[in-house]
């Protein structure tokens, strides 16, 4: 039930909102966001999850026709901005964060060690199976590399830097949690929001600080622009803020707008501020 167009304006098409969302949000989308949005508006969500950078490339190449892009990093939005990139995105709003943590399988033979020893020592132990995502397609993969390199420098441990070169530790964002839960991995780099949604334990990356910066925008040529506006309006509402916080995602005190402010739909300007 998308909002009606103002009198005299071209009618906006409403319908199920198609959201391309970061893979770290797959569980929370299925278990909380889709139901919450439907309960509040009567509209439904069609969610397609994946690495944010990879999804941006899919938008550019026409693989997916999206209404909303919910990214885990502003760099993914920038890939879509400007004439050279097809002008798919002219603005985006940064509205939430989630800390990068080490999630682990509680049945792993290293589980007790992970809870008692420094994380950066445990992951270099012989036989330890660590997972991360591809830095080419997923911002979380780049943050994992940054955390490893920062820890290697801080703790003078070259074994941490060596992990970065191991291609066998790379998995798709949407499969990483499943591999951990099935026992194929001892631990992996995750955002707190996805660890909370998947209900597996974590330890903080003591000594380093990396986090996702989640953004929202309406994609150019959105099939359902009215519902896209409604989805972002709801996502920035107090009700959604409370829902997301319960699942490990922390909204900023005030959304921060980047790009062409005049291109923001009129219905969103008051919400974004």
C-alpha atoms as a PDB file:
ATOM      1  CA  UNK A   1       0.000   0.000   0.000  1.00  0.00           C
ATOM      2  CA  UNK A   2       2.589   2.545  -1.098  1.00  0.00           C
ATOM      3  CA  UNK A   3       1.882   6.201  -0.404  1.00  0.00           C
ATOM      4  CA  UNK A   4      -0.209   8.025  -3.074  1.00  0.00           C
ATOM      5  CA  UNK A   5       1.428  10.635  -5.265  1.00  0.00           C
ATOM      6  CA  UNK A   6       0.765  14.307  -4.469  1.00  0.00           C
ATOM      7  CA  UNK A   7      -1.940  16.005  -6.520  1.00  0.00           C
ATOM      8  CA  UNK A   8      -0.611  17.057  -9.923  1.00  0.00           C
ATOM      9  CA  UNK A   9       2.479  14.861  -9.667  1.00  0.00           C
ATOM     10  CA  UNK A  10       3.271  11.869 -11.847  1.00  0.00           C
ATOM     11  CA  UNK A  11       1.936   8.741 -10.157  1.00  0.00           C
ATOM     12  CA  UNK A  12       4.548   6.650  -8.377  1.00  0.00           C
ATOM     13  CA  UNK A  13       4.405   2.908  -8.810  1.00  0.00           C
ATOM     14  CA  UNK A  14       3.960   0.907  -5.630  1.00  0.00           C
ATOM     15  CA  UNK A  15       4.361  -2.792  -5.055  1.00  0.00           C
ATOM     16  CA  UNK A  16       6.603  -5.281  -3.276  1.00  0.00           C
ATOM     17  CA  UNK A  17       9.812  -3.378  -2.550  1.00  0.00           C
ATOM     18  CA  UNK A  18      12.909  -5.066  -3.986  1.00  0.00           C
ATOM     19  CA  UNK A  19      15.825  -4.604  -1.578  1.00  0.00           C
ATOM     20  CA  UNK A  20      19.407  -5.546  -2.387  1.00  0.00           C
ATOM     21  CA  UNK A  21      20.953  -5.963   1.051  1.00  0.00           C
ATOM     22  CA  UNK A  22      24.388  -6.775   2.414  1.00  0.00           C
ATOM     23  CA  UNK A  23      24.782 -10.502   3.090  1.00  0.00           C
ATOM     24  CA  UNK A  24      25.400  -9.766   6.765  1.00  0.00           C
ATOM     25  CA  UNK A  25      21.741  -8.727   6.932  1.00  0.00           C
ATOM     26  CA  UNK A  26      20.254 -11.858   5.375  1.00  0.00           C
ATOM     27  CA  UNK A  27      19.029 -13.403   8.630  1.00  0.00           C
ATOM     28  CA  UNK A  28      17.722 -10.197  10.177  1.00  0.00           C
ATOM     29  CA  UNK A  29      15.899  -9.421   6.923  1.00  0.00           C
ATOM     30  CA  UNK A  30      14.150 -12.788   6.933  1.00  0.00           C
ATOM     31  CA  UNK A  31      13.411 -12.955  10.662  1.00  0.00           C
ATOM     32  CA  UNK A  32      12.655  -9.339  11.580  1.00  0.00           C
ATOM     33  CA  UNK A  33      12.708  -6.633   8.909  1.00  0.00           C
ATOM     34  CA  UNK A  34      10.364  -8.210   6.368  1.00  0.00           C
ATOM     35  CA  UNK A  35       7.725  -8.970   9.003  1.00  0.00           C
ATOM     36  CA  UNK A  36       8.160  -5.611  10.726  1.00  0.00           C
ATOM     37  CA  UNK A  37       7.756  -3.631   7.519  1.00  0.00           C
ATOM     38  CA  UNK A  38       4.731  -5.658   6.449  1.00  0.00           C
ATOM     39  CA  UNK A  39       3.062  -5.223   9.846  1.00  0.00           C
ATOM     40  CA  UNK A  40       3.608  -1.462   9.758  1.00  0.00           C
ATOM     41  CA  UNK A  41       2.651  -0.777   6.130  1.00  0.00           C
ATOM     42  CA  UNK A  42       0.961  -3.797   4.617  1.00  0.00           C
ATOM     43  CA  UNK A  43       3.636  -3.940   1.916  1.00  0.00           C
ATOM     44  CA  UNK A  44       6.030  -6.819   1.345  1.00  0.00           C
ATOM     45  CA  UNK A  45       9.791  -7.096   0.787  1.00  0.00           C
ATOM     46  CA  UNK A  46      11.642  -9.082  -1.850  1.00  0.00           C
ATOM     47  CA  UNK A  47      15.180  -9.361  -0.496  1.00  0.00           C
ATOM     48  CA  UNK A  48      18.308 -10.289  -2.441  1.00  0.00           C
ATOM     49  CA  UNK A  49      21.414 -10.617  -0.261  1.00  0.00           C
ATOM     50  CA  UNK A  50      25.094 -10.660  -1.161  1.00  0.00           C
ATOM     51  CA  UNK A  51      28.390  -8.843  -0.777  1.00  0.00           C
ATOM     52  CA  UNK A  52      27.732  -5.092  -1.005  1.00  0.00           C
ATOM     53  CA  UNK A  53      30.362  -4.416  -3.667  1.00  0.00           C
ATOM     54  CA  UNK A  54      29.183  -7.379  -5.699  1.00  0.00           C
ATOM     55  CA  UNK A  55      25.565  -6.187  -5.486  1.00  0.00           C
ATOM     56  CA  UNK A  56      26.624  -2.738  -6.671  1.00  0.00           C
ATOM     57  CA  UNK A  57      28.220  -4.326  -9.721  1.00  0.00           C
ATOM     58  CA  UNK A  58      25.021  -6.322 -10.295  1.00  0.00           C
ATOM     59  CA  UNK A  59      23.033  -3.088 -10.332  1.00  0.00           C
ATOM     60  CA  UNK A  60      25.427  -1.536 -12.849  1.00  0.00           C
ATOM     61  CA  UNK A  61      25.325  -4.557 -15.138  1.00  0.00           C
ATOM     62  CA  UNK A  62      21.546  -4.930 -14.955  1.00  0.00           C
ATOM     63  CA  UNK A  63      21.580  -8.305 -13.207  1.00  0.00           C
ATOM     64  CA  UNK A  64      19.105  -7.001 -10.631  1.00  0.00           C
ATOM     65  CA  UNK A  65      16.447  -4.296 -10.865  1.00  0.00           C
ATOM     66  CA  UNK A  66      16.391  -2.881  -7.370  1.00  0.00           C
ATOM     67  CA  UNK A  67      14.292  -0.356  -5.487  1.00  0.00           C
ATOM     68  CA  UNK A  68      16.498   0.013  -2.410  1.00  0.00           C
ATOM     69  CA  UNK A  69      20.199  -0.647  -1.881  1.00  0.00           C
ATOM     70  CA  UNK A  70      21.072  -1.415   1.747  1.00  0.00           C
ATOM     71  CA  UNK A  71      24.850  -1.534   1.818  1.00  0.00           C
ATOM     72  CA  UNK A  72      27.373  -2.325   4.551  1.00  0.00           C
ATOM     73  CA  UNK A  73      29.842   0.302   3.308  1.00  0.00           C
ATOM     74  CA  UNK A  74      29.628   3.732   1.657  1.00  0.00           C
ATOM     75  CA  UNK A  75      32.281   2.609  -0.837  1.00  0.00           C
ATOM     76  CA  UNK A  76      29.683   0.344  -2.448  1.00  0.00           C
ATOM     77  CA  UNK A  77      27.332   3.304  -2.982  1.00  0.00           C
ATOM     78  CA  UNK A  78      30.130   5.345  -4.519  1.00  0.00           C
ATOM     79  CA  UNK A  79      30.626   2.632  -7.142  1.00  0.00           C
ATOM     80  CA  UNK A  80      27.166   3.596  -8.429  1.00  0.00           C
ATOM     81  CA  UNK A  81      27.536   7.386  -8.342  1.00  0.00           C
ATOM     82  CA  UNK A  82      28.369   9.713 -11.224  1.00  0.00           C
ATOM     83  CA  UNK A  83      27.777   9.611 -14.969  1.00  0.00           C
ATOM     84  CA  UNK A  84      30.710   7.269 -15.491  1.00  0.00           C
ATOM     85  CA  UNK A  85      28.988   4.751 -13.217  1.00  0.00           C
ATOM     86  CA  UNK A  86      25.544   5.110 -14.728  1.00  0.00           C
ATOM     87  CA  UNK A  87      24.145   7.546 -12.146  1.00  0.00           C
ATOM     88  CA  UNK A  88      22.423   4.634 -10.398  1.00  0.00           C
ATOM     89  CA  UNK A  89      22.820   6.375  -7.036  1.00  0.00           C
ATOM     90  CA  UNK A  90      22.833  10.142  -6.515  1.00  0.00           C
ATOM     91  CA  UNK A  91      22.586  10.156  -2.712  1.00  0.00           C
ATOM     92  CA  UNK A  92      22.758   7.793   0.235  1.00  0.00           C
ATOM     93  CA  UNK A  93      22.178   8.050   3.959  1.00  0.00           C
ATOM     94  CA  UNK A  94      24.508   6.476   6.516  1.00  0.00           C
ATOM     95  CA  UNK A  95      22.321   5.438   9.428  1.00  0.00           C
ATOM     96  CA  UNK A  96      23.748   2.498  11.421  1.00  0.00           C
ATOM     97  CA  UNK A  97      26.878   0.590  12.392  1.00  0.00           C
ATOM     98  CA  UNK A  98      27.815  -2.892  13.551  1.00  0.00           C
ATOM     99  CA  UNK A  99      31.142  -3.930  15.039  1.00  0.00           C
ATOM    100  CA  UNK A 100      33.375  -6.540  13.406  1.00  0.00           C
ATOM    101  CA  UNK A 101      33.830  -9.486  15.798  1.00  0.00           C
ATOM    102  CA  UNK A 102      35.165 -13.028  15.789  1.00  0.00           C
ATOM    103  CA  UNK A 103      32.303 -15.500  15.789  1.00  0.00           C
ATOM    104  CA  UNK A 104      33.084 -19.069  16.766  1.00  0.00           C
ATOM    105  CA  UNK A 105      31.509 -22.511  16.881  1.00  0.00           C
ATOM    106  CA  UNK A 106      30.870 -23.424  20.544  1.00  0.00           C
ATOM    107  CA  UNK A 107      31.593 -27.078  19.692  1.00  0.00           C
ATOM    108  CA  UNK A 108      34.997 -26.296  18.191  1.00  0.00           C
ATOM    109  CA  UNK A 109      37.981 -27.879  19.951  1.00  0.00           C
ATOM    110  CA  UNK A 110      39.319 -24.321  20.225  1.00  0.00           C
ATOM    111  CA  UNK A 111      36.153 -22.890  21.843  1.00  0.00           C
ATOM    112  CA  UNK A 112      37.487 -22.733  25.389  1.00  0.00           C
ATOM    113  CA  UNK A 113      40.771 -21.272  24.158  1.00  0.00           C
ATOM    114  CA  UNK A 114      38.999 -18.554  22.187  1.00  0.00           C
ATOM    115  CA  UNK A 115      37.216 -17.457  25.362  1.00  0.00           C
ATOM    116  CA  UNK A 116      40.358 -17.306  27.488  1.00  0.00           C
ATOM    117  CA  UNK A 117      43.271 -16.365  25.213  1.00  0.00           C
ATOM    118  CA  UNK A 118      43.786 -13.331  22.920  1.00  0.00           C
ATOM    119  CA  UNK A 119      41.921 -13.869  19.648  1.00  0.00           C
ATOM    120  CA  UNK A 120      44.949 -13.024  17.558  1.00  0.00           C
ATOM    121  CA  UNK A 121      46.973 -15.805  19.181  1.00  0.00           C
ATOM    122  CA  UNK A 122      44.276 -18.440  18.854  1.00  0.00           C
ATOM    123  CA  UNK A 123      43.605 -18.018  15.130  1.00  0.00           C
ATOM    124  CA  UNK A 124      47.237 -18.800  14.267  1.00  0.00           C
ATOM    125  CA  UNK A 125      47.300 -22.104  16.168  1.00  0.00           C
ATOM    126  CA  UNK A 126      47.964 -25.232  14.055  1.00  0.00           C
ATOM    127  CA  UNK A 127      44.750 -26.717  12.680  1.00  0.00           C
ATOM    128  CA  UNK A 128      42.626 -23.644  13.368  1.00  0.00           C
ATOM    129  CA  UNK A 129      40.037 -23.169  10.594  1.00  0.00           C
ATOM    130  CA  UNK A 130      39.273 -19.478  10.078  1.00  0.00           C
ATOM    131  CA  UNK A 131      36.812 -18.016   7.583  1.00  0.00           C
ATOM    132  CA  UNK A 132      36.395 -14.592   6.010  1.00  0.00           C
ATOM    133  CA  UNK A 133      34.714 -13.132   2.952  1.00  0.00           C
ATOM    134  CA  UNK A 134      36.134 -12.013  -0.374  1.00  0.00           C
ATOM    135  CA  UNK A 135      37.497  -8.442  -0.131  1.00  0.00           C
ATOM    136  CA  UNK A 136      36.779  -7.938  -3.837  1.00  0.00           C
ATOM    137  CA  UNK A 137      33.019  -8.370  -3.464  1.00  0.00           C
ATOM    138  CA  UNK A 138      32.388  -7.734   0.230  1.00  0.00           C
ATOM    139  CA  UNK A 139      33.456  -4.806   2.443  1.00  0.00           C
ATOM    140  CA  UNK A 140      33.593  -7.135   5.451  1.00  0.00           C
ATOM    141  CA  UNK A 141      36.378  -9.036   3.725  1.00  0.00           C
ATOM    142  CA  UNK A 142      38.368  -5.818   3.466  1.00  0.00           C
ATOM    143  CA  UNK A 143      37.739  -5.023   7.141  1.00  0.00           C
ATOM    144  CA  UNK A 144      38.915  -8.509   8.136  1.00  0.00           C
ATOM    145  CA  UNK A 145      42.157  -7.942   6.243  1.00  0.00           C
ATOM    146  CA  UNK A 146      42.565  -4.532   7.880  1.00  0.00           C
ATOM    147  CA  UNK A 147      42.042  -6.099  11.325  1.00  0.00           C
ATOM    148  CA  UNK A 148      44.585  -8.838  10.642  1.00  0.00           C
ATOM    149  CA  UNK A 149      47.202  -6.424   9.356  1.00  0.00           C
ATOM    150  CA  UNK A 150      46.630  -3.991  12.207  1.00  0.00           C
ATOM    151  CA  UNK A 151      46.969  -6.780  14.765  1.00  0.00           C
ATOM    152  CA  UNK A 152      50.072  -8.130  13.012  1.00  0.00           C
ATOM    153  CA  UNK A 153      51.734  -4.745  13.344  1.00  0.00           C
ATOM    154  CA  UNK A 154      50.529  -4.052  16.868  1.00  0.00           C
ATOM    155  CA  UNK A 155      51.489  -7.447  18.278  1.00  0.00           C
ATOM    156  CA  UNK A 156      54.540  -8.025  16.058  1.00  0.00           C
ATOM    157  CA  UNK A 157      53.143 -11.323  14.800  1.00  0.00           C
ATOM    158  CA  UNK A 158      53.888 -12.089  11.114  1.00  0.00           C
ATOM    159  CA  UNK A 159      51.653 -15.174  11.281  1.00  0.00           C
ATOM    160  CA  UNK A 160      48.634 -12.849  11.283  1.00  0.00           C
ATOM    161  CA  UNK A 161      49.763 -11.129   8.096  1.00  0.00           C
ATOM    162  CA  UNK A 162      50.311 -14.538   6.520  1.00  0.00           C
ATOM    163  CA  UNK A 163      46.632 -15.401   7.001  1.00  0.00           C
ATOM    164  CA  UNK A 164      45.733 -12.615   4.578  1.00  0.00           C
ATOM    165  CA  UNK A 165      47.395 -14.491   1.697  1.00  0.00           C
ATOM    166  CA  UNK A 166      45.524 -17.759   2.311  1.00  0.00           C
ATOM    167  CA  UNK A 167      42.796 -18.076  -0.324  1.00  0.00           C
ATOM    168  CA  UNK A 168      41.381 -21.186   1.376  1.00  0.00           C
ATOM    169  CA  UNK A 169      39.955 -18.999   4.133  1.00  0.00           C
ATOM    170  CA  UNK A 170      37.655 -17.078   1.734  1.00  0.00           C
ATOM    171  CA  UNK A 171      33.951 -17.879   1.432  1.00  0.00           C
ATOM    172  CA  UNK A 172      30.847 -16.095   0.143  1.00  0.00           C
ATOM    173  CA  UNK A 173      29.150 -13.816   2.631  1.00  0.00           C
ATOM    174  CA  UNK A 174      25.891 -15.746   2.580  1.00  0.00           C
ATOM    175  CA  UNK A 175      27.615 -19.115   3.178  1.00  0.00           C
ATOM    176  CA  UNK A 176      30.088 -18.149   5.913  1.00  0.00           C
ATOM    177  CA  UNK A 177      27.652 -18.433   8.831  1.00  0.00           C
ATOM    178  CA  UNK A 178      26.389 -21.798   7.606  1.00  0.00           C
ATOM    179  CA  UNK A 179      29.907 -23.179   7.385  1.00  0.00           C
ATOM    180  CA  UNK A 180      30.607 -22.055  10.934  1.00  0.00           C
ATOM    181  CA  UNK A 181      27.402 -23.524  12.319  1.00  0.00           C
ATOM    182  CA  UNK A 182      27.924 -26.845  10.536  1.00  0.00           C
ATOM    183  CA  UNK A 183      31.379 -27.237  12.067  1.00  0.00           C
ATOM    184  CA  UNK A 184      33.367 -26.677   8.871  1.00  0.00           C
ATOM    185  CA  UNK A 185      35.033 -23.678  10.519  1.00  0.00           C
ATOM    186  CA  UNK A 186      36.238 -22.959  14.033  1.00  0.00           C
ATOM    187  CA  UNK A 187      35.673 -19.206  13.719  1.00  0.00           C
ATOM    188  CA  UNK A 188      35.128 -16.405  11.249  1.00  0.00           C
ATOM    189  CA  UNK A 189      34.926 -12.651  10.950  1.00  0.00           C
ATOM    190  CA  UNK A 190      31.357 -11.392  11.278  1.00  0.00           C
ATOM    191  CA  UNK A 191      29.456  -8.246  12.106  1.00  0.00           C
ATOM    192  CA  UNK A 192      27.711  -8.256  15.484  1.00  0.00           C
ATOM    193  CA  UNK A 193      24.338  -7.935  13.751  1.00  0.00           C
ATOM    194  CA  UNK A 194      24.679 -11.209  11.856  1.00  0.00           C
ATOM    195  CA  UNK A 195      26.181 -13.076  14.823  1.00  0.00           C
ATOM    196  CA  UNK A 196      23.248 -11.973  16.963  1.00  0.00           C
ATOM    197  CA  UNK A 197      20.715 -13.032  14.346  1.00  0.00           C
ATOM    198  CA  UNK A 198      22.390 -16.424  13.829  1.00  0.00           C
ATOM    199  CA  UNK A 199      22.786 -17.016  17.603  1.00  0.00           C
ATOM    200  CA  UNK A 200      26.439 -17.997  17.694  1.00  0.00           C
ATOM    201  CA  UNK A 201      28.945 -16.734  20.320  1.00  0.00           C
ATOM    202  CA  UNK A 202      31.551 -14.074  19.641  1.00  0.00           C
ATOM    203  CA  UNK A 203      34.608 -12.447  21.150  1.00  0.00           C
ATOM    204  CA  UNK A 204      35.696  -8.854  20.482  1.00  0.00           C
ATOM    205  CA  UNK A 205      38.721  -8.130  18.315  1.00  0.00           C
ATOM    206  CA  UNK A 206      40.651  -6.651  21.231  1.00  0.00           C
ATOM    207  CA  UNK A 207      43.274  -4.188  20.109  1.00  0.00           C
ATOM    208  CA  UNK A 208      41.659  -3.309  16.783  1.00  0.00           C
ATOM    209  CA  UNK A 209      38.438  -1.520  15.877  1.00  0.00           C
ATOM    210  CA  UNK A 210      36.581  -2.151  12.628  1.00  0.00           C
ATOM    211  CA  UNK A 211      32.889  -1.831  11.894  1.00  0.00           C
ATOM    212  CA  UNK A 212      30.315  -1.808   9.127  1.00  0.00           C
ATOM    213  CA  UNK A 213      28.705   1.489   8.173  1.00  0.00           C
ATOM    214  CA  UNK A 214      25.244   0.707   6.849  1.00  0.00           C
ATOM    215  CA  UNK A 215      23.645   2.931   4.230  1.00  0.00           C
ATOM    216  CA  UNK A 216      20.301   3.203   2.480  1.00  0.00           C
ATOM    217  CA  UNK A 217      19.371   4.710  -0.871  1.00  0.00           C
ATOM    218  CA  UNK A 218      16.740   4.495  -3.596  1.00  0.00           C
ATOM    219  CA  UNK A 219      18.197   3.142  -6.830  1.00  0.00           C
ATOM    220  CA  UNK A 220      17.614   5.039 -10.088  1.00  0.00           C
ATOM    221  CA  UNK A 221      14.843   3.574 -12.245  1.00  0.00           C
ATOM    222  CA  UNK A 222      13.405   1.790  -9.213  1.00  0.00           C
ATOM    223  CA  UNK A 223      10.421  -0.345 -10.297  1.00  0.00           C
ATOM    224  CA  UNK A 224       8.482   0.624  -7.153  1.00  0.00           C
ATOM    225  CA  UNK A 225       9.691   4.085  -6.089  1.00  0.00           C
ATOM    226  CA  UNK A 226       6.771   4.839  -3.774  1.00  0.00           C
ATOM    227  CA  UNK A 227       7.299   1.660  -1.766  1.00  0.00           C
ATOM    228  CA  UNK A 228      11.053   2.288  -1.795  1.00  0.00           C
ATOM    229  CA  UNK A 229      10.478   5.661  -0.136  1.00  0.00           C
ATOM    230  CA  UNK A 230       8.112   4.030   2.361  1.00  0.00           C
ATOM    231  CA  UNK A 231      10.665   1.326   3.200  1.00  0.00           C
ATOM    232  CA  UNK A 232      13.395   3.849   3.993  1.00  0.00           C
ATOM    233  CA  UNK A 233      10.941   5.965   5.974  1.00  0.00           C
ATOM    234  CA  UNK A 234      10.072   2.936   8.082  1.00  0.00           C
ATOM    235  CA  UNK A 235      13.735   1.903   8.449  1.00  0.00           C
ATOM    236  CA  UNK A 236      14.502   5.291   9.991  1.00  0.00           C
ATOM    237  CA  UNK A 237      11.503   5.189  12.336  1.00  0.00           C
ATOM    238  CA  UNK A 238      11.724   4.673  16.121  1.00  0.00           C
ATOM    239  CA  UNK A 239       9.992   1.295  15.792  1.00  0.00           C
ATOM    240  CA  UNK A 240      12.567  -0.008  13.313  1.00  0.00           C
ATOM    241  CA  UNK A 241      15.405   1.474  15.364  1.00  0.00           C
ATOM    242  CA  UNK A 242      14.267  -0.547  18.388  1.00  0.00           C
ATOM    243  CA  UNK A 243      13.885  -3.688  16.280  1.00  0.00           C
ATOM    244  CA  UNK A 244      17.342  -3.395  14.730  1.00  0.00           C
ATOM    245  CA  UNK A 245      18.993  -2.624  18.066  1.00  0.00           C
ATOM    246  CA  UNK A 246      17.601  -5.862  19.462  1.00  0.00           C
ATOM    247  CA  UNK A 247      19.488  -7.684  16.703  1.00  0.00           C
ATOM    248  CA  UNK A 248      22.900  -6.072  17.165  1.00  0.00           C
ATOM    249  CA  UNK A 249      22.652  -3.142  14.779  1.00  0.00           C
ATOM    250  CA  UNK A 250      23.178   0.315  16.284  1.00  0.00           C
ATOM    251  CA  UNK A 251      21.543   3.271  14.555  1.00  0.00           C
ATOM    252  CA  UNK A 252      23.285   6.631  14.571  1.00  0.00           C
ATOM    253  CA  UNK A 253      21.704   9.393  16.629  1.00  0.00           C
ATOM    254  CA  UNK A 254      20.939  11.142  13.358  1.00  0.00           C
ATOM    255  CA  UNK A 255      21.232   9.856   9.775  1.00  0.00           C
ATOM    256  CA  UNK A 256      24.021  11.456   7.728  1.00  0.00           C
ATOM    257  CA  UNK A 257      23.253  12.341   4.111  1.00  0.00           C
ATOM    258  CA  UNK A 258      25.871  12.153   1.350  1.00  0.00           C
ATOM    259  CA  UNK A 259      25.593  13.135  -2.300  1.00  0.00           C
ATOM    260  CA  UNK A 260      23.029  15.330  -4.033  1.00  0.00           C
ATOM    261  CA  UNK A 261      20.538  16.461  -1.392  1.00  0.00           C
ATOM    262  CA  UNK A 262      18.173  17.886  -4.019  1.00  0.00           C
ATOM    263  CA  UNK A 263      17.770  14.406  -5.503  1.00  0.00           C
ATOM    264  CA  UNK A 264      16.326  12.990  -2.291  1.00  0.00           C
ATOM    265  CA  UNK A 265      12.601  12.257  -2.779  1.00  0.00           C
ATOM    266  CA  UNK A 266      10.445  14.906  -1.141  1.00  0.00           C
ATOM    267  CA  UNK A 267       8.729  12.315   1.051  1.00  0.00           C
ATOM    268  CA  UNK A 268      12.121  11.397   2.590  1.00  0.00           C
ATOM    269  CA  UNK A 269      13.599  14.847   3.156  1.00  0.00           C
ATOM    270  CA  UNK A 270      11.927  15.444   6.498  1.00  0.00           C
ATOM    271  CA  UNK A 271      12.791  11.931   7.695  1.00  0.00           C
ATOM    272  CA  UNK A 272      16.448  12.237   6.756  1.00  0.00           C
ATOM    273  CA  UNK A 273      16.748  15.829   7.869  1.00  0.00           C
END
